[in-house]
Amino acid sequence: MHVNAINKALIHRKEIGARGNKDWNCPWPLNWQRHYRVLADLVDADGALPYIASGVTFDGDDIGTWRWQHQKAGVQAQLLPEQRERLAELGIKAAEPVPAVPAPSRTATGPGKGPSKAQQAFERGLGALAQWVEREGADRPVPRGAVVQVEADGAREPVPVRLGVWISNTKSRRDRLNTDQLAALAELGMSWA
């Protein structure tokens, strides 16, 4: 087939898809779209989203964990408005955020003092990991050289987090993590936590 004919066929196919399917060229990651589409098909078939436990997979994708993760206010806050609308149509609305109880730190903190530098670094790393899982999926390992840009308190621009290095260091120091930190890591797919 001639190159011009191939280009015309691809353009024609794209035009047909764009007219008939609002999901043809979505601005969010395909991983997100794939999980959403499975749940939307369940709603179409049953009229409502059935209960799906964490760990339930479909074609290798853990749709159960994805479903419950996307009910969290922090995860929904990172989504585009259209993504949140689509989740709401499925019956997945953001849960009210639970006020965090600060973990006791090793340094003395008095009234008016914020989290320690170590706690801030952990939160940045956890935020980077959440972005990685959202974009790439929990089953894809993080390469040691992976860098993720995250919004940090007080910073004007996103801060780079060397996620692969952070995971390696956090894993080697897991005996120093509190139960909340370990639970947060486990929720994001870190089996060692």
C-alpha atoms as a PDB file:
ATOM      1  CA  MET A   1       0.000   0.000   0.000  1.00  0.00           C
ATOM      2  CA  HIS A   2       1.314   3.439  -0.886  1.00  0.00           C
ATOM      3  CA  VAL A   3       2.263   5.793   1.994  1.00  0.00           C
ATOM      4  CA  ASN A   4      -0.322   8.376   0.894  1.00  0.00           C
ATOM      5  CA  ALA A   5      -3.068   5.767   0.899  1.00  0.00           C
ATOM      6  CA  ILE A   6      -2.045   4.614   4.394  1.00  0.00           C
ATOM      7  CA  ASN A   7      -2.111   8.197   5.705  1.00  0.00           C
ATOM      8  CA  LYS A   8      -5.556   8.792   4.173  1.00  0.00           C
ATOM      9  CA  ALA A   9      -6.859   5.575   5.714  1.00  0.00           C
ATOM     10  CA  LEU A  10      -5.504   6.515   9.152  1.00  0.00           C
ATOM     11  CA  ILE A  11      -6.985  10.015   8.952  1.00  0.00           C
ATOM     12  CA  HIS A  12     -10.348   8.581   7.866  1.00  0.00           C
ATOM     13  CA  ARG A  13     -10.290   6.045  10.708  1.00  0.00           C
ATOM     14  CA  LYS A  14      -9.456   8.777  13.244  1.00  0.00           C
ATOM     15  CA  GLU A  15     -12.295  11.005  11.959  1.00  0.00           C
ATOM     16  CA  ILE A  16     -14.796   8.145  12.244  1.00  0.00           C
ATOM     17  CA  GLY A  17     -13.607   7.319  15.764  1.00  0.00           C
ATOM     18  CA  ALA A  18     -13.680  10.939  16.903  1.00  0.00           C
ATOM     19  CA  ARG A  19     -17.282  11.352  15.701  1.00  0.00           C
ATOM     20  CA  GLY A  20     -18.620   8.153  17.187  1.00  0.00           C
ATOM     21  CA  ASN A  21     -16.689   7.711  20.420  1.00  0.00           C
ATOM     22  CA  LYS A  22     -16.013  10.376  23.043  1.00  0.00           C
ATOM     23  CA  ASP A  23     -13.208   8.199  24.442  1.00  0.00           C
ATOM     24  CA  TRP A  24     -11.324   8.024  21.146  1.00  0.00           C
ATOM     25  CA  ASN A  25      -8.616  10.517  22.046  1.00  0.00           C
ATOM     26  CA  CYS A  26      -8.902  11.095  25.806  1.00  0.00           C
ATOM     27  CA  PRO A  27      -6.398  13.449  27.486  1.00  0.00           C
ATOM     28  CA  TRP A  28      -5.719  11.131  30.444  1.00  0.00           C
ATOM     29  CA  PRO A  29      -3.592   7.967  30.609  1.00  0.00           C
ATOM     30  CA  LEU A  30      -4.820   4.895  28.764  1.00  0.00           C
ATOM     31  CA  ASN A  31      -4.309   2.864  31.934  1.00  0.00           C
ATOM     32  CA  TRP A  32      -6.961   5.037  33.627  1.00  0.00           C
ATOM     33  CA  GLN A  33      -9.282   4.741  30.616  1.00  0.00           C
ATOM     34  CA  ARG A  34      -8.938   0.951  30.497  1.00  0.00           C
ATOM     35  CA  HIS A  35      -9.923   0.535  34.163  1.00  0.00           C
ATOM     36  CA  TYR A  36     -12.767   3.049  33.821  1.00  0.00           C
ATOM     37  CA  ARG A  37     -14.102   1.307  30.696  1.00  0.00           C
ATOM     38  CA  VAL A  38     -14.333  -2.071  32.498  1.00  0.00           C
ATOM     39  CA  LEU A  39     -16.365  -0.508  35.325  1.00  0.00           C
ATOM     40  CA  ALA A  40     -18.537   1.467  32.876  1.00  0.00           C
ATOM     41  CA  ASP A  41     -19.330  -1.764  31.011  1.00  0.00           C
ATOM     42  CA  LEU A  42     -20.385  -3.364  34.314  1.00  0.00           C
ATOM     43  CA  VAL A  43     -22.716  -0.433  34.997  1.00  0.00           C
ATOM     44  CA  ASP A  44     -24.135  -0.705  31.465  1.00  0.00           C
ATOM     45  CA  ALA A  45     -24.776  -4.421  31.950  1.00  0.00           C
ATOM     46  CA  ASP A  46     -26.158  -4.323  35.520  1.00  0.00           C
ATOM     47  CA  GLY A  47     -27.618  -0.816  35.796  1.00  0.00           C
ATOM     48  CA  ALA A  48     -25.399  -0.059  38.790  1.00  0.00           C
ATOM     49  CA  LEU A  49     -21.831  -0.673  39.842  1.00  0.00           C
ATOM     50  CA  PRO A  50     -21.673  -3.957  41.770  1.00  0.00           C
ATOM     51  CA  TYR A  51     -19.457  -4.368  44.827  1.00  0.00           C
ATOM     52  CA  ILE A  52     -15.930  -5.189  43.698  1.00  0.00           C
ATOM     53  CA  ALA A  53     -13.387  -6.171  46.330  1.00  0.00           C
ATOM     54  CA  SER A  54      -9.766  -5.066  46.117  1.00  0.00           C
ATOM     55  CA  GLY A  55      -7.712  -7.638  44.284  1.00  0.00           C
ATOM     56  CA  VAL A  56     -10.420  -8.544  41.744  1.00  0.00           C
ATOM     57  CA  THR A  57      -8.784  -8.515  38.318  1.00  0.00           C
ATOM     58  CA  PHE A  58     -10.048  -8.348  34.762  1.00  0.00           C
ATOM     59  CA  ASP A  59      -7.613  -9.135  31.944  1.00  0.00           C
ATOM     60  CA  GLY A  60      -4.743  -8.677  34.389  1.00  0.00           C
ATOM     61  CA  ASP A  61      -5.904  -5.267  35.671  1.00  0.00           C
ATOM     62  CA  ASP A  62      -6.775  -4.981  39.367  1.00  0.00           C
ATOM     63  CA  ILE A  63     -10.100  -3.185  38.909  1.00  0.00           C
ATOM     64  CA  GLY A  64     -11.081  -3.691  42.550  1.00  0.00           C
ATOM     65  CA  THR A  65      -8.132  -1.792  43.988  1.00  0.00           C
ATOM     66  CA  TRP A  66      -8.429   0.838  41.241  1.00  0.00           C
ATOM     67  CA  ARG A  67     -12.103   1.360  42.073  1.00  0.00           C
ATOM     68  CA  TRP A  68     -11.492   1.880  45.802  1.00  0.00           C
ATOM     69  CA  GLN A  69      -8.409   4.054  45.236  1.00  0.00           C
ATOM     70  CA  HIS A  70     -10.489   6.374  43.057  1.00  0.00           C
ATOM     71  CA  GLN A  71     -13.013   6.918  45.808  1.00  0.00           C
ATOM     72  CA  LYS A  72     -10.317   8.639  47.894  1.00  0.00           C
ATOM     73  CA  ALA A  73     -10.538  12.420  47.891  1.00  0.00           C
ATOM     74  CA  GLY A  74      -6.779  12.782  47.437  1.00  0.00           C
ATOM     75  CA  VAL A  75      -6.788  10.646  44.292  1.00  0.00           C
ATOM     76  CA  GLN A  76      -9.838  12.418  42.847  1.00  0.00           C
ATOM     77  CA  ALA A  77      -8.227  15.793  43.500  1.00  0.00           C
ATOM     78  CA  GLN A  78      -5.503  14.841  40.999  1.00  0.00           C
ATOM     79  CA  LEU A  79      -8.004  13.995  38.242  1.00  0.00           C
ATOM     80  CA  LEU A  80      -9.407  16.205  35.516  1.00  0.00           C
ATOM     81  CA  PRO A  81     -12.973  17.453  36.114  1.00  0.00           C
ATOM     82  CA  GLU A  82     -14.263  15.229  33.304  1.00  0.00           C
ATOM     83  CA  GLN A  83     -12.674  12.167  34.926  1.00  0.00           C
ATOM     84  CA  ARG A  84     -14.381  13.009  38.238  1.00  0.00           C
ATOM     85  CA  GLU A  85     -17.716  13.416  36.408  1.00  0.00           C
ATOM     86  CA  ARG A  86     -17.309  10.014  34.777  1.00  0.00           C
ATOM     87  CA  LEU A  87     -16.553   8.383  38.124  1.00  0.00           C
ATOM     88  CA  ALA A  88     -19.593  10.096  39.683  1.00  0.00           C
ATOM     89  CA  GLU A  89     -21.779   8.731  36.867  1.00  0.00           C
ATOM     90  CA  LEU A  90     -20.581   5.248  37.852  1.00  0.00           C
ATOM     91  CA  GLY A  91     -21.449   5.951  41.481  1.00  0.00           C
ATOM     92  CA  ILE A  92     -17.844   6.490  42.604  1.00  0.00           C
ATOM     93  CA  LYS A  93     -17.839   9.750  44.523  1.00  0.00           C
ATOM     94  CA  ALA A  94     -14.954  11.093  46.557  1.00  0.00           C
ATOM     95  CA  ALA A  95     -15.133  10.125  50.204  1.00  0.00           C
ATOM     96  CA  GLU A  96     -14.715  12.871  52.751  1.00  0.00           C
ATOM     97  CA  PRO A  97     -11.048  13.141  53.643  1.00  0.00           C
ATOM     98  CA  VAL A  98     -10.247  11.727  57.047  1.00  0.00           C
ATOM     99  CA  PRO A  99      -8.285  14.198  59.145  1.00  0.00           C
ATOM    100  CA  ALA A 100      -4.760  12.881  59.461  1.00  0.00           C
ATOM    101  CA  VAL A 101      -3.429  12.195  62.921  1.00  0.00           C
ATOM    102  CA  PRO A 102       0.196  13.305  62.963  1.00  0.00           C
ATOM    103  CA  ALA A 103       2.631  10.515  63.654  1.00  0.00           C
ATOM    104  CA  PRO A 104       4.873  11.001  66.653  1.00  0.00           C
ATOM    105  CA  SER A 105       8.265  12.210  65.510  1.00  0.00           C
ATOM    106  CA  ARG A 106      11.688  11.642  67.006  1.00  0.00           C
ATOM    107  CA  THR A 107      12.288  15.360  67.367  1.00  0.00           C
ATOM    108  CA  ALA A 108      10.406  17.548  69.774  1.00  0.00           C
ATOM    109  CA  THR A 109       7.700  19.542  68.077  1.00  0.00           C
ATOM    110  CA  GLY A 110       5.914  22.260  69.855  1.00  0.00           C
ATOM    111  CA  PRO A 111       2.752  24.139  69.008  1.00  0.00           C
ATOM    112  CA  GLY A 112       2.989  25.754  65.617  1.00  0.00           C
ATOM    113  CA  LYS A 113       5.683  23.417  64.282  1.00  0.00           C
ATOM    114  CA  GLY A 114       4.877  21.455  61.153  1.00  0.00           C
ATOM    115  CA  PRO A 115       5.914  17.972  60.112  1.00  0.00           C
ATOM    116  CA  SER A 116       9.599  17.074  60.286  1.00  0.00           C
ATOM    117  CA  LYS A 117      11.784  17.179  57.185  1.00  0.00           C
ATOM    118  CA  ALA A 118      11.765  13.385  57.116  1.00  0.00           C
ATOM    119  CA  GLN A 119       7.944  13.336  57.194  1.00  0.00           C
ATOM    120  CA  GLN A 120       7.795  15.948  54.426  1.00  0.00           C
ATOM    121  CA  ALA A 121      10.196  13.888  52.311  1.00  0.00           C
ATOM    122  CA  PHE A 122       8.121  10.768  52.924  1.00  0.00           C
ATOM    123  CA  GLU A 123       4.933  12.605  51.850  1.00  0.00           C
ATOM    124  CA  ARG A 124       6.629  13.856  48.663  1.00  0.00           C
ATOM    125  CA  GLY A 125       7.799  10.331  47.865  1.00  0.00           C
ATOM    126  CA  LEU A 126       4.353   8.909  48.584  1.00  0.00           C
ATOM    127  CA  GLY A 127       2.781  11.531  46.307  1.00  0.00           C
ATOM    128  CA  ALA A 128       5.237  10.635  43.543  1.00  0.00           C
ATOM    129  CA  LEU A 129       4.436   6.938  44.000  1.00  0.00           C
ATOM    130  CA  ALA A 130       0.687   7.653  43.798  1.00  0.00           C
ATOM    131  CA  GLN A 131       1.253   9.515  40.522  1.00  0.00           C
ATOM    132  CA  TRP A 132       3.347   6.629  39.180  1.00  0.00           C
ATOM    133  CA  VAL A 133       0.678   4.054  40.086  1.00  0.00           C
ATOM    134  CA  GLU A 134      -2.031   6.226  38.498  1.00  0.00           C
ATOM    135  CA  ARG A 135      -0.069   6.699  35.295  1.00  0.00           C
ATOM    136  CA  GLU A 136       1.706   3.335  34.930  1.00  0.00           C
ATOM    137  CA  GLY A 137      -0.272   0.936  37.141  1.00  0.00           C
ATOM    138  CA  ALA A 138       0.689  -0.761  40.403  1.00  0.00           C
ATOM    139  CA  ASP A 139       2.003  -3.846  38.615  1.00  0.00           C
ATOM    140  CA  ARG A 140       4.734  -1.979  36.709  1.00  0.00           C
ATOM    141  CA  PRO A 141       7.991  -1.824  38.676  1.00  0.00           C
ATOM    142  CA  VAL A 142       9.573   1.585  39.190  1.00  0.00           C
ATOM    143  CA  PRO A 143      13.024   1.804  37.576  1.00  0.00           C
ATOM    144  CA  ARG A 144      15.750   3.119  39.879  1.00  0.00           C
ATOM    145  CA  GLY A 145      16.290   6.166  37.640  1.00  0.00           C
ATOM    146  CA  ALA A 146      12.595   7.195  37.523  1.00  0.00           C
ATOM    147  CA  VAL A 147      11.946  10.851  38.396  1.00  0.00           C
ATOM    148  CA  VAL A 148       8.420  12.204  39.074  1.00  0.00           C
ATOM    149  CA  GLN A 149       7.470  15.868  39.440  1.00  0.00           C
ATOM    150  CA  VAL A 150       5.243  16.553  42.474  1.00  0.00           C
ATOM    151  CA  GLU A 151       3.643  19.645  43.968  1.00  0.00           C
ATOM    152  CA  ALA A 152       5.322  20.468  47.286  1.00  0.00           C
ATOM    153  CA  ASP A 153       4.063  22.711  50.059  1.00  0.00           C
ATOM    154  CA  GLY A 154       5.594  26.148  49.784  1.00  0.00           C
ATOM    155  CA  ALA A 155       7.213  25.497  46.392  1.00  0.00           C
ATOM    156  CA  ARG A 156       6.238  27.587  43.384  1.00  0.00           C
ATOM    157  CA  GLU A 157       7.089  24.881  40.896  1.00  0.00           C
ATOM    158  CA  PRO A 158       6.806  21.094  40.995  1.00  0.00           C
ATOM    159  CA  VAL A 159       9.692  19.377  42.781  1.00  0.00           C
ATOM    160  CA  PRO A 160      11.478  16.407  41.167  1.00  0.00           C
ATOM    161  CA  VAL A 161      11.382  13.232  43.263  1.00  0.00           C
ATOM    162  CA  ARG A 162      13.824  10.469  42.351  1.00  0.00           C
ATOM    163  CA  LEU A 163      11.152   7.836  42.868  1.00  0.00           C
ATOM    164  CA  GLY A 164      13.257   4.734  42.194  1.00  0.00           C
ATOM    165  CA  VAL A 165      15.903   5.834  44.681  1.00  0.00           C
ATOM    166  CA  TRP A 166      13.226   6.851  47.213  1.00  0.00           C
ATOM    167  CA  ILE A 167      11.576   3.406  47.019  1.00  0.00           C
ATOM    168  CA  SER A 168      14.933   1.643  47.452  1.00  0.00           C
ATOM    169  CA  ASN A 169      15.846   3.787  50.478  1.00  0.00           C
ATOM    170  CA  THR A 170      12.373   3.499  52.009  1.00  0.00           C
ATOM    171  CA  LYS A 171      12.402  -0.279  51.596  1.00  0.00           C
ATOM    172  CA  SER A 172      15.794  -0.581  53.284  1.00  0.00           C
ATOM    173  CA  ARG A 173      14.533   1.596  56.172  1.00  0.00           C
ATOM    174  CA  ARG A 174      11.083   0.059  56.480  1.00  0.00           C
ATOM    175  CA  ASP A 175      11.746  -0.984  60.076  1.00  0.00           C
ATOM    176  CA  ARG A 176      11.708   2.734  60.970  1.00  0.00           C
ATOM    177  CA  LEU A 177       8.338   3.457  59.331  1.00  0.00           C
ATOM    178  CA  ASN A 178       5.169   3.741  61.409  1.00  0.00           C
ATOM    179  CA  THR A 179       2.072   1.661  60.699  1.00  0.00           C
ATOM    180  CA  ASP A 180       0.308   4.496  58.828  1.00  0.00           C
ATOM    181  CA  GLN A 181       3.262   4.899  56.497  1.00  0.00           C
ATOM    182  CA  LEU A 182       3.483   1.156  55.876  1.00  0.00           C
ATOM    183  CA  ALA A 183      -0.269   0.979  55.215  1.00  0.00           C
ATOM    184  CA  ALA A 184      -0.052   3.866  52.736  1.00  0.00           C
ATOM    185  CA  LEU A 185       2.757   2.098  50.875  1.00  0.00           C
ATOM    186  CA  ALA A 186       0.874  -1.203  50.854  1.00  0.00           C
ATOM    187  CA  GLU A 187      -2.215   0.525  49.404  1.00  0.00           C
ATOM    188  CA  LEU A 188      -0.076   1.706  46.506  1.00  0.00           C
ATOM    189  CA  GLY A 189       1.093  -1.810  45.743  1.00  0.00           C
ATOM    190  CA  MET A 190       4.367  -2.051  47.691  1.00  0.00           C
ATOM    191  CA  SER A 191       4.173  -5.718  48.748  1.00  0.00           C
ATOM    192  CA  TRP A 192       7.189  -5.362  51.048  1.00  0.00           C
ATOM    193  CA  ALA A 193       5.410  -2.796  53.257  1.00  0.00           C
END
